Amino acid sequence: MSTVAVAAKQPVIAKSRKRVITRRAVLWLGQTCNLRCHFCYFLDRIDDREHPEHAFMDLEKAKKICTALVEHYGNNAIDIQGGEPTIWKGIYDLVRHCRGIGLMPTLITNGLALSNKNVCTRLKEAGVRDLLVSVQGLGDTYDRIVQIKGAFEKQKRGIENAIEAGIPLRFNCVLSKPVLPQLADIARLAVASNARVVNFLAFNPFEDQGQGGKRSAFNVPRYSEVAAVLNEALDILEHAGVEANVRYFPICMVAPRHRKSIYNFQQLPYDVHEWDYASWSWTGQQPQRMKWGDVSPLVDLHDTTFMQTRYPAAVKQAPAGAPQPVQFHPRKPRGAGFRVEKALKKTISRLLTGREELYREHARLRAQQHCRYQYGATCESCAARDICDGFHGDYAEIFGTEEARAIRDLPRISDPRFFIREQEKVIEAEDYRWAL
């Protein structure tokens, strides 16, 4: 795919290995879309016009949610998605509102509407920070995945128009079976497009995908199949200096040099391009996804009433009030390695307190209670056992957990930042004050 030179000066960015809790939020405007991706988390809601989350919400309601994200949750950036946000009539006004209240706006988009240059121009003028483009394949493969003929050519023009307008880009790519042969080429496209970040996401049964048996061995690739081609794509991106993240994927399934790119639930809060758990728990509730009606009460992760509603089996693990210290799994002494590990535990127990440990507990609840992640027999001897989610419960039911490859050349790891602290992560200028 050809690209064009950037027509406008790009915003200043830095790169950092410092890991702090993200301040980015997320907003779902409504499940109305111009594509039908077979792995979409909201496919049923997009097809069902009567679903309470299908229609785009009222502009004033969207503004109210965004204002609450700044004033109550302290967010300073937001990922705005639909469905497809670029086809919502209020998108320019909402982007302008977010920028005005200090909530730097990103659109998660398939990019088709961007094939109209005027859309890019208006988004740029309204103050969009960047675009997170869902590149789910190339050429005919993309058209088949999104179930619209000619969609790839529109996305291609949309990316070119965004580059010409000077809008920074990031890429998303779901690791579905049809796209695997193209992962390396998608990485090359990201480099050619000057994309700052590429996110690879495991095809998981979130939301509508968890209903009706949509996932099977016919459309879900094995982790080992993914790893064979994912390592090459990650090598291409690293060589070009492009940040790469792999979501919801066992740490042991990639080459050791790429473990720094694996972000499971315990690592997500430390990714400035991911969503803050506190505000995400609120915007993820249905009143914040519907066209009509008022928003629901603001929530706090310390609130046991909220936790009992979301994770009824885990309330004892998440008491109200101050979070508990980290619980480490004891092990038998193993010479010098054990002494190093013991010293690390003392340091980590001081660091992982307050908000960080609360978020870590919330991460465990999401993995264990919501997604039913499982550990295989091999996982129990893995050094990363305490910071890795393991195998998604739905995946384990299809394929089992025998693919796990225990990491045994390191002492038991307790800090979820152990691998990711080696990654160079993009930091935008507006985030320097708290992220650097």
Protein backbone atom coordinates (compact mmCIF):
# COMPACT_ATOMS: atom_id res chain seq x y z
CA MET A 1 0.00 0.00 0.00
CA SER A 2 1.35 3.41 -0.90
CA THR A 3 1.37 6.26 1.57
CA VAL A 4 1.74 10.00 1.19
CA ALA A 5 3.89 12.47 3.07
CA VAL A 6 2.49 14.05 6.20
CA ALA A 7 1.12 17.46 5.26
CA ALA A 8 1.00 18.92 8.75
CA LYS A 9 3.51 18.97 11.60
CA GLN A 10 3.06 15.96 13.87
CA PRO A 11 2.60 16.55 17.63
CA VAL A 12 5.67 16.03 19.80
CA ILE A 13 6.05 12.62 21.43
CA ALA A 14 8.55 10.97 23.75
CA LYS A 15 9.28 7.34 24.59
CA SER A 16 9.58 5.98 28.10
CA ARG A 17 10.04 2.81 30.13
CA LYS A 18 8.42 4.32 33.17
CA ARG A 19 5.19 2.48 34.07
CA VAL A 20 2.36 4.39 35.74
CA ILE A 21 -1.39 3.88 35.92
CA THR A 22 -3.13 5.07 32.76
CA ARG A 23 -5.49 8.04 32.73
CA ARG A 24 -7.28 7.10 29.50
CA ALA A 25 -11.03 6.42 29.42
CA VAL A 26 -13.38 4.78 26.92
CA LEU A 27 -16.84 5.66 25.59
CA TRP A 28 -19.18 3.52 23.49
CA LEU A 29 -21.48 5.84 21.51
CA GLY A 30 -23.82 3.09 20.30
CA GLN A 31 -23.59 -0.13 18.33
CA THR A 32 -24.35 1.20 14.85
CA CYS A 33 -21.72 0.33 12.25
CA ASN A 34 -21.08 0.21 8.50
CA LEU A 35 -19.22 -3.15 8.71
CA ARG A 36 -19.97 -6.65 10.03
CA CYS A 37 -16.65 -8.07 11.30
CA HIS A 38 -17.22 -11.71 12.21
CA PHE A 39 -15.27 -11.39 15.48
CA CYS A 40 -16.84 -8.09 16.61
CA TYR A 41 -17.63 -8.07 20.32
CA PHE A 42 -20.94 -6.33 19.58
CA LEU A 43 -22.08 -8.14 16.43
CA ASP A 44 -25.53 -9.05 17.78
CA ARG A 45 -26.18 -5.51 18.98
CA ILE A 46 -25.12 -4.09 15.61
CA ASP A 47 -27.55 -6.39 13.77
CA ASP A 48 -30.43 -5.88 16.23
CA ARG A 49 -31.92 -2.43 15.68
CA GLU A 50 -34.14 -2.92 18.74
CA HIS A 51 -31.27 -3.58 21.12
CA PRO A 52 -31.06 -0.81 23.75
CA GLU A 53 -27.39 -0.23 22.88
CA HIS A 54 -27.79 -0.22 19.08
CA ALA A 55 -28.71 3.41 18.41
CA PHE A 56 -26.19 6.22 18.79
CA MET A 57 -26.67 8.20 21.97
CA ASP A 58 -27.73 11.80 22.31
CA LEU A 59 -24.88 14.34 22.01
CA GLU A 60 -25.65 15.99 25.35
CA LYS A 61 -25.53 12.62 27.10
CA ALA A 62 -22.15 11.87 25.53
CA LYS A 63 -20.86 15.26 26.70
CA LYS A 64 -22.15 14.59 30.23
CA ILE A 65 -20.30 11.27 30.35
CA CYS A 66 -17.09 12.85 29.11
CA THR A 67 -17.30 15.66 31.66
CA ALA A 68 -17.75 13.10 34.45
CA LEU A 69 -14.68 11.24 33.24
CA VAL A 70 -12.61 14.38 33.76
CA GLU A 71 -14.18 15.70 36.96
CA HIS A 72 -14.75 12.42 38.85
CA TYR A 73 -12.24 9.94 37.46
CA GLY A 74 -9.43 12.32 36.58
CA ASN A 75 -9.06 11.03 33.02
CA ASN A 76 -7.18 13.18 30.51
CA ALA A 77 -7.66 11.09 27.34
CA ILE A 78 -10.47 9.04 25.84
CA ASP A 79 -11.02 6.38 23.18
CA ILE A 80 -14.35 7.11 21.48
CA GLN A 81 -15.90 4.19 19.66
CA GLY A 82 -19.26 3.01 18.35
CA GLY A 83 -20.00 0.91 16.49
CA GLU A 84 -18.35 3.28 14.08
CA PRO A 85 -17.97 6.81 15.55
CA THR A 86 -17.17 8.56 12.25
CA ILE A 87 -20.73 7.97 10.97
CA TRP A 88 -22.30 9.58 14.07
CA LYS A 89 -23.55 13.06 13.28
CA GLY A 90 -22.40 14.52 16.59
CA ILE A 91 -18.81 13.35 16.40
CA TYR A 92 -17.22 16.71 15.55
CA ASP A 93 -19.04 18.48 18.38
CA LEU A 94 -18.07 15.77 20.84
CA VAL A 95 -14.41 15.85 19.79
CA ARG A 96 -14.45 19.63 20.21
CA HIS A 97 -16.07 19.29 23.65
CA CYS A 98 -13.51 16.72 24.81
CA ARG A 99 -10.62 18.85 23.67
CA GLY A 100 -12.11 21.83 25.46
CA ILE A 101 -12.32 20.07 28.84
CA GLY A 102 -8.83 18.54 28.62
CA LEU A 103 -9.92 15.05 27.57
CA MET A 104 -7.69 14.30 24.58
CA PRO A 105 -9.90 12.46 22.04
CA THR A 106 -9.00 9.37 20.01
CA LEU A 107 -11.44 7.70 17.61
CA ILE A 108 -11.40 3.92 17.25
CA THR A 109 -12.47 3.59 13.63
CA ASN A 110 -12.51 1.26 10.65
CA GLY A 111 -11.47 4.28 8.57
CA LEU A 112 -13.96 3.87 5.71
CA ALA A 113 -15.58 7.28 6.25
CA LEU A 114 -12.10 8.81 6.14
CA SER A 115 -12.00 8.05 2.41
CA ASN A 116 -13.86 11.38 2.24
CA LYS A 117 -11.11 13.96 2.78
CA ASN A 118 -13.59 16.38 4.30
CA VAL A 119 -14.12 14.01 7.24
CA CYS A 120 -10.40 14.07 8.03
CA THR A 121 -10.26 17.84 7.68
CA ARG A 122 -13.19 18.36 10.04
CA LEU A 123 -11.82 15.91 12.62
CA LYS A 124 -8.46 17.65 12.54
CA GLU A 125 -10.09 21.07 12.97
CA ALA A 126 -12.28 19.78 15.83
CA GLY A 127 -9.17 18.67 17.71
CA VAL A 128 -8.90 14.88 17.38
CA ARG A 129 -5.68 13.70 18.98
CA ASP A 130 -5.20 10.58 16.85
CA LEU A 131 -7.01 7.70 15.15
CA LEU A 132 -6.86 4.06 16.19
CA VAL A 133 -7.61 2.31 12.90
CA SER A 134 -8.87 -1.29 12.90
CA VAL A 135 -6.75 -2.96 10.21
CA GLN A 136 -8.22 -6.47 10.27
CA GLY A 137 -6.63 -7.72 7.06
CA LEU A 138 -5.48 -6.61 3.63
CA GLY A 139 -7.16 -6.73 0.21
CA ASP A 140 -9.81 -9.39 -0.36
CA THR A 141 -9.08 -10.93 3.04
CA TYR A 142 -10.17 -7.71 4.72
CA ASP A 143 -13.33 -7.54 2.60
CA ARG A 144 -14.25 -11.10 3.60
CA ILE A 145 -13.59 -10.48 7.28
CA VAL A 146 -15.71 -7.30 7.43
CA GLN A 147 -18.30 -8.73 4.99
CA ILE A 148 -18.30 -5.67 2.68
CA LYS A 149 -16.86 -5.82 -0.85
CA GLY A 150 -14.53 -2.92 -1.64
CA ALA A 151 -14.06 -2.03 2.05
CA PHE A 152 -10.28 -2.37 1.94
CA GLU A 153 -9.89 0.17 -0.85
CA LYS A 154 -11.92 2.67 1.17
CA GLN A 155 -9.84 2.03 4.28
CA LYS A 156 -6.67 2.43 2.23
CA ARG A 157 -7.80 5.86 0.99
CA GLY A 158 -8.92 6.77 4.48
CA ILE A 159 -5.48 6.05 5.93
CA GLU A 160 -3.83 8.07 3.18
CA ASN A 161 -6.20 10.99 3.80
CA ALA A 162 -5.54 10.91 7.54
CA ILE A 163 -1.79 10.99 6.91
CA GLU A 164 -2.19 13.92 4.51
CA ALA A 165 -4.30 15.76 7.09
CA GLY A 166 -1.57 15.29 9.69
CA ILE A 167 -3.62 13.09 12.05
CA PRO A 168 -1.40 10.60 13.95
CA LEU A 169 -2.31 6.94 13.55
CA ARG A 170 -2.28 3.78 15.63
CA PHE A 171 -3.42 0.35 14.39
CA ASN A 172 -5.55 -2.41 15.93
CA CYS A 173 -5.56 -5.95 14.54
CA VAL A 174 -7.60 -8.86 15.91
CA LEU A 175 -5.74 -12.18 15.69
CA SER A 176 -8.42 -14.06 13.77
CA LYS A 177 -7.55 -17.12 11.71
CA PRO A 178 -7.83 -15.53 8.21
CA VAL A 179 -5.46 -12.66 9.05
CA LEU A 180 -2.54 -14.71 10.36
CA PRO A 181 -0.75 -15.05 6.97
CA GLN A 182 -0.89 -11.25 6.64
CA LEU A 183 0.44 -10.19 10.05
CA ALA A 184 3.92 -9.39 8.75
CA ASP A 185 2.47 -7.31 5.90
CA ILE A 186 0.20 -5.45 8.31
CA ALA A 187 3.28 -4.65 10.39
CA ARG A 188 5.00 -3.33 7.25
CA LEU A 189 1.93 -1.25 6.43
CA ALA A 190 2.07 0.26 9.92
CA VAL A 191 5.71 1.20 9.41
CA ALA A 192 5.00 2.69 5.96
CA SER A 193 2.05 4.66 7.39
CA ASN A 194 4.15 6.07 10.23
CA ALA A 195 1.80 4.45 12.77
CA ARG A 196 3.01 5.09 16.29
CA VAL A 197 1.57 1.94 17.86
CA VAL A 198 0.20 -1.43 16.72
CA ASN A 199 -2.05 -3.50 18.98
CA PHE A 200 -2.64 -7.19 18.30
CA LEU A 201 -5.68 -8.53 20.14
CA ALA A 202 -6.48 -12.19 20.77
CA PHE A 203 -9.88 -13.24 19.39
CA ASN A 204 -11.72 -13.61 22.71
CA PRO A 205 -15.42 -14.15 23.54
CA PHE A 206 -16.11 -10.76 25.08
CA GLU A 207 -19.65 -9.37 25.01
CA ASP A 208 -21.78 -10.87 22.17
CA GLN A 209 -19.05 -13.30 21.17
CA GLY A 210 -19.71 -15.19 24.39
CA GLN A 211 -23.23 -16.10 23.27
CA GLY A 212 -24.55 -18.67 20.82
CA GLY A 213 -21.34 -20.61 20.20
CA LYS A 214 -19.89 -18.18 17.62
CA ARG A 215 -16.34 -19.26 18.41
CA SER A 216 -14.98 -22.65 17.44
CA ALA A 217 -11.83 -24.38 16.19
CA PHE A 218 -12.86 -23.27 12.68
CA ASN A 219 -12.52 -19.53 13.31
CA VAL A 220 -10.29 -19.27 16.39
CA PRO A 221 -6.57 -19.95 15.85
CA ARG A 222 -4.52 -21.83 18.41
CA TYR A 223 -2.09 -19.68 20.36
CA SER A 224 0.76 -21.73 18.89
CA GLU A 225 -0.50 -20.94 15.36
CA VAL A 226 -0.55 -17.25 16.21
CA ALA A 227 2.89 -17.29 17.81
CA ALA A 228 4.51 -18.70 14.67
CA VAL A 229 3.69 -15.54 12.69
CA LEU A 230 3.27 -13.02 15.49
CA ASN A 231 6.96 -13.11 16.39
CA GLU A 232 7.88 -12.07 12.84
CA ALA A 233 5.43 -9.15 12.88
CA LEU A 234 6.75 -8.01 16.26
CA ASP A 235 10.32 -8.20 14.95
CA ILE A 236 9.40 -5.93 12.02
CA LEU A 237 7.80 -3.36 14.30
CA GLU A 238 10.62 -3.38 16.84
CA HIS A 239 13.24 -2.95 14.12
CA ALA A 240 11.32 0.11 12.88
CA GLY A 241 10.88 1.55 16.38
CA VAL A 242 7.08 1.11 16.42
CA GLU A 243 5.49 0.29 19.77
CA ALA A 244 3.71 -3.08 19.67
CA ASN A 245 1.28 -4.51 22.21
CA VAL A 246 -0.32 -7.96 22.34
CA ARG A 247 -3.53 -8.12 24.36
CA TYR A 248 -4.91 -11.15 26.24
CA PHE A 249 -2.22 -13.63 25.16
CA PRO A 250 -0.24 -16.02 27.39
CA ILE A 251 3.20 -14.60 28.16
CA CYS A 252 4.91 -17.91 27.47
CA MET A 253 3.59 -18.17 23.91
CA VAL A 254 5.84 -15.53 22.34
CA ALA A 255 9.62 -15.48 21.99
CA PRO A 256 11.38 -14.22 25.16
CA ARG A 257 12.43 -11.00 23.38
CA HIS A 258 8.75 -10.08 22.93
CA ARG A 259 7.43 -10.80 26.43
CA LYS A 260 7.73 -7.06 27.07
CA SER A 261 4.85 -6.52 24.59
CA ILE A 262 2.33 -8.83 26.32
CA TYR A 263 -0.46 -7.00 28.15
CA ASN A 264 -2.91 -9.15 30.07
CA PHE A 265 -5.31 -7.85 32.70
CA GLN A 266 -2.59 -7.19 35.29
CA GLN A 267 -0.47 -5.26 32.79
CA LEU A 268 -3.27 -3.25 31.12
CA PRO A 269 -3.44 -0.47 33.75
CA TYR A 270 0.21 0.36 33.01
CA ASP A 271 -0.42 0.97 29.31
CA VAL A 272 -1.11 4.66 28.71
CA HIS A 273 -2.97 3.62 25.53
CA GLU A 274 -5.36 1.38 27.47
CA TRP A 275 -8.32 2.18 29.73
CA ASP A 276 -8.37 3.09 33.38
CA TYR A 277 -10.21 0.34 35.31
CA ALA A 278 -12.23 2.70 37.48
CA SER A 279 -13.79 4.75 34.69
CA TRP A 280 -14.01 1.70 32.38
CA SER A 281 -16.12 -0.08 35.00
CA TRP A 282 -18.55 2.83 34.87
CA THR A 283 -18.74 3.53 31.12
CA GLY A 284 -19.06 -0.22 30.54
CA GLN A 285 -22.46 -0.24 32.27
CA GLN A 286 -25.49 -0.23 29.97
CA PRO A 287 -26.87 3.22 30.94
CA GLN A 288 -23.61 4.72 29.63
CA ARG A 289 -24.04 2.85 26.32
CA MET A 290 -27.68 3.69 25.57
CA LYS A 291 -29.17 6.48 23.48
CA TRP A 292 -31.77 7.56 26.00
CA GLY A 293 -31.96 7.76 29.76
CA ASP A 294 -29.71 9.30 32.35
CA VAL A 295 -26.33 7.97 33.35
CA SER A 296 -25.98 5.61 36.31
CA PRO A 297 -24.33 6.64 39.60
CA LEU A 298 -20.56 7.00 39.50
CA VAL A 299 -18.73 3.98 40.87
CA ASP A 300 -15.63 3.37 42.94
CA LEU A 301 -13.65 0.14 42.80
CA HIS A 302 -13.68 0.12 46.62
CA ASP A 303 -17.49 -0.11 46.56
CA THR A 304 -18.46 -3.66 47.59
CA THR A 305 -22.02 -3.16 46.29
CA PHE A 306 -20.68 -2.54 42.80
CA MET A 307 -18.15 -5.36 43.09
CA GLN A 308 -20.80 -7.81 44.31
CA THR A 309 -22.99 -6.97 41.30
CA ARG A 310 -20.13 -7.41 38.84
CA TYR A 311 -18.20 -10.22 40.53
CA PRO A 312 -20.48 -11.89 43.13
CA ALA A 313 -18.09 -14.76 43.87
CA ALA A 314 -15.18 -12.52 44.66
CA VAL A 315 -16.40 -9.95 47.19
CA LYS A 316 -14.27 -11.45 49.96
CA GLN A 317 -11.21 -10.84 47.81
CA ALA A 318 -12.04 -7.16 47.34
CA PRO A 319 -13.12 -5.67 50.69
CA ALA A 320 -14.06 -2.04 51.06
CA GLY A 321 -11.56 0.39 52.44
CA ALA A 322 -7.81 0.33 52.07
CA PRO A 323 -6.52 -2.40 49.71
CA GLN A 324 -4.60 -5.29 51.26
CA PRO A 325 -0.87 -5.83 50.72
CA VAL A 326 0.23 -8.06 47.87
CA GLN A 327 -0.16 -11.78 48.64
CA PHE A 328 2.90 -13.61 47.40
CA HIS A 329 3.05 -17.36 46.76
CA PRO A 330 5.80 -18.83 48.98
CA ARG A 331 8.25 -21.26 47.51
CA LYS A 332 11.23 -23.29 48.73
CA PRO A 333 14.64 -21.61 48.86
CA ARG A 334 16.72 -22.04 45.72
CA GLY A 335 20.13 -20.61 46.50
CA ALA A 336 21.12 -17.14 45.30
CA GLY A 337 18.07 -16.88 43.04
CA PHE A 338 15.81 -17.23 46.06
CA ARG A 339 17.68 -14.51 47.98
CA VAL A 340 17.23 -12.12 45.04
CA GLU A 341 13.56 -13.01 44.85
CA LYS A 342 13.09 -12.40 48.59
CA ALA A 343 14.66 -8.95 48.30
CA LEU A 344 12.44 -8.13 45.33
CA LYS A 345 9.35 -9.13 47.29
CA LYS A 346 10.17 -6.64 50.03
CA THR A 347 10.55 -3.85 47.49
CA ILE A 348 7.41 -4.77 45.56
CA SER A 349 5.28 -5.05 48.70
CA ARG A 350 6.04 -1.37 49.35
CA LEU A 351 5.35 -0.31 45.77
CA LEU A 352 2.20 -2.26 44.97
CA THR A 353 -0.08 -0.52 47.43
CA GLY A 354 -2.94 1.91 47.19
CA ARG A 355 -4.38 2.40 43.74
CA GLU A 356 -1.94 0.05 42.02
CA GLU A 357 -2.75 -2.95 44.21
CA LEU A 358 -6.47 -2.17 43.98
CA TYR A 359 -6.20 -2.21 40.19
CA ARG A 360 -4.23 -5.44 40.34
CA GLU A 361 -6.96 -7.08 42.39
CA HIS A 362 -9.55 -5.80 39.94
CA ALA A 363 -7.48 -7.29 37.10
CA ARG A 364 -7.53 -10.69 38.79
CA LEU A 365 -11.30 -10.48 39.21
CA ARG A 366 -11.82 -9.65 35.54
CA ALA A 367 -9.69 -12.60 34.48
CA GLN A 368 -10.91 -15.18 36.99
CA GLN A 369 -14.55 -14.28 37.51
CA HIS A 370 -15.58 -12.64 34.24
CA CYS A 371 -13.45 -14.53 31.70
CA ARG A 372 -12.86 -17.80 33.59
CA TYR A 373 -9.19 -17.93 32.71
CA GLN A 374 -7.51 -21.25 33.47
CA TYR A 375 -4.00 -22.40 34.23
CA GLY A 376 -2.74 -25.69 32.87
CA ALA A 377 -0.60 -28.14 34.82
CA THR A 378 2.53 -26.69 33.21
CA CYS A 379 1.55 -23.17 34.32
CA GLU A 380 2.03 -24.06 37.98
CA SER A 381 5.80 -24.33 37.50
CA CYS A 382 6.04 -21.16 35.36
CA ALA A 383 7.92 -18.15 36.70
CA ALA A 384 5.20 -15.85 35.27
CA ARG A 385 2.30 -17.73 36.88
CA ASP A 386 1.42 -14.87 39.26
CA ILE A 387 1.39 -12.12 36.63
CA CYS A 388 -0.16 -14.00 33.67
CA ASP A 389 -3.87 -14.71 33.23
CA GLY A 390 -3.24 -18.10 31.64
CA PHE A 391 -5.69 -19.42 29.02
CA HIS A 392 -9.11 -17.84 28.48
CA GLY A 393 -11.79 -20.21 29.78
CA ASP A 394 -13.57 -20.33 26.43
CA TYR A 395 -10.30 -21.07 24.63
CA ALA A 396 -9.43 -23.80 27.12
CA GLU A 397 -12.76 -25.48 26.47
CA ILE A 398 -11.98 -25.62 22.73
CA PHE A 399 -8.25 -26.43 22.75
CA GLY A 400 -7.23 -27.20 26.32
CA THR A 401 -4.12 -25.74 27.98
CA GLU A 402 -1.41 -28.16 26.83
CA GLU A 403 0.26 -25.49 24.65
CA ALA A 404 1.61 -23.72 27.73
CA ARG A 405 5.40 -23.50 27.86
CA ALA A 406 6.56 -22.88 31.41
CA ILE A 407 9.20 -20.16 31.88
CA ARG A 408 11.74 -21.84 34.16
CA ASP A 409 14.90 -19.78 33.67
CA LEU A 410 13.74 -17.01 36.03
CA PRO A 411 12.73 -16.87 39.70
CA ARG A 412 9.02 -16.63 40.48
CA ILE A 413 7.81 -13.20 39.31
CA SER A 414 5.45 -11.10 41.44
CA ASP A 415 5.60 -7.67 39.81
CA PRO A 416 3.19 -7.39 36.82
CA ARG A 417 5.59 -4.83 35.33
CA PHE A 418 8.50 -7.29 35.26
CA PHE A 419 8.53 -7.74 31.47
CA ILE A 420 6.68 -4.61 30.27
CA ARG A 421 9.10 -2.25 32.01
CA GLU A 422 11.57 -3.10 29.23
CA GLN A 423 9.25 -1.75 26.53
CA GLU A 424 9.68 1.69 24.98
CA LYS A 425 6.19 3.21 25.08
CA VAL A 426 4.98 6.29 23.20
CA ILE A 427 4.06 9.23 25.45
CA GLU A 428 2.19 12.19 23.94
CA ALA A 429 3.13 15.73 24.98
CA GLU A 430 -0.11 16.23 26.93
CA ASP A 431 0.85 13.25 29.16
CA TYR A 432 4.42 14.27 29.99
CA ARG A 433 3.52 15.71 33.39
CA TRP A 434 2.21 12.44 34.84
CA ALA A 435 3.57 9.72 32.54
CA LEU A 436 7.27 10.62 32.41
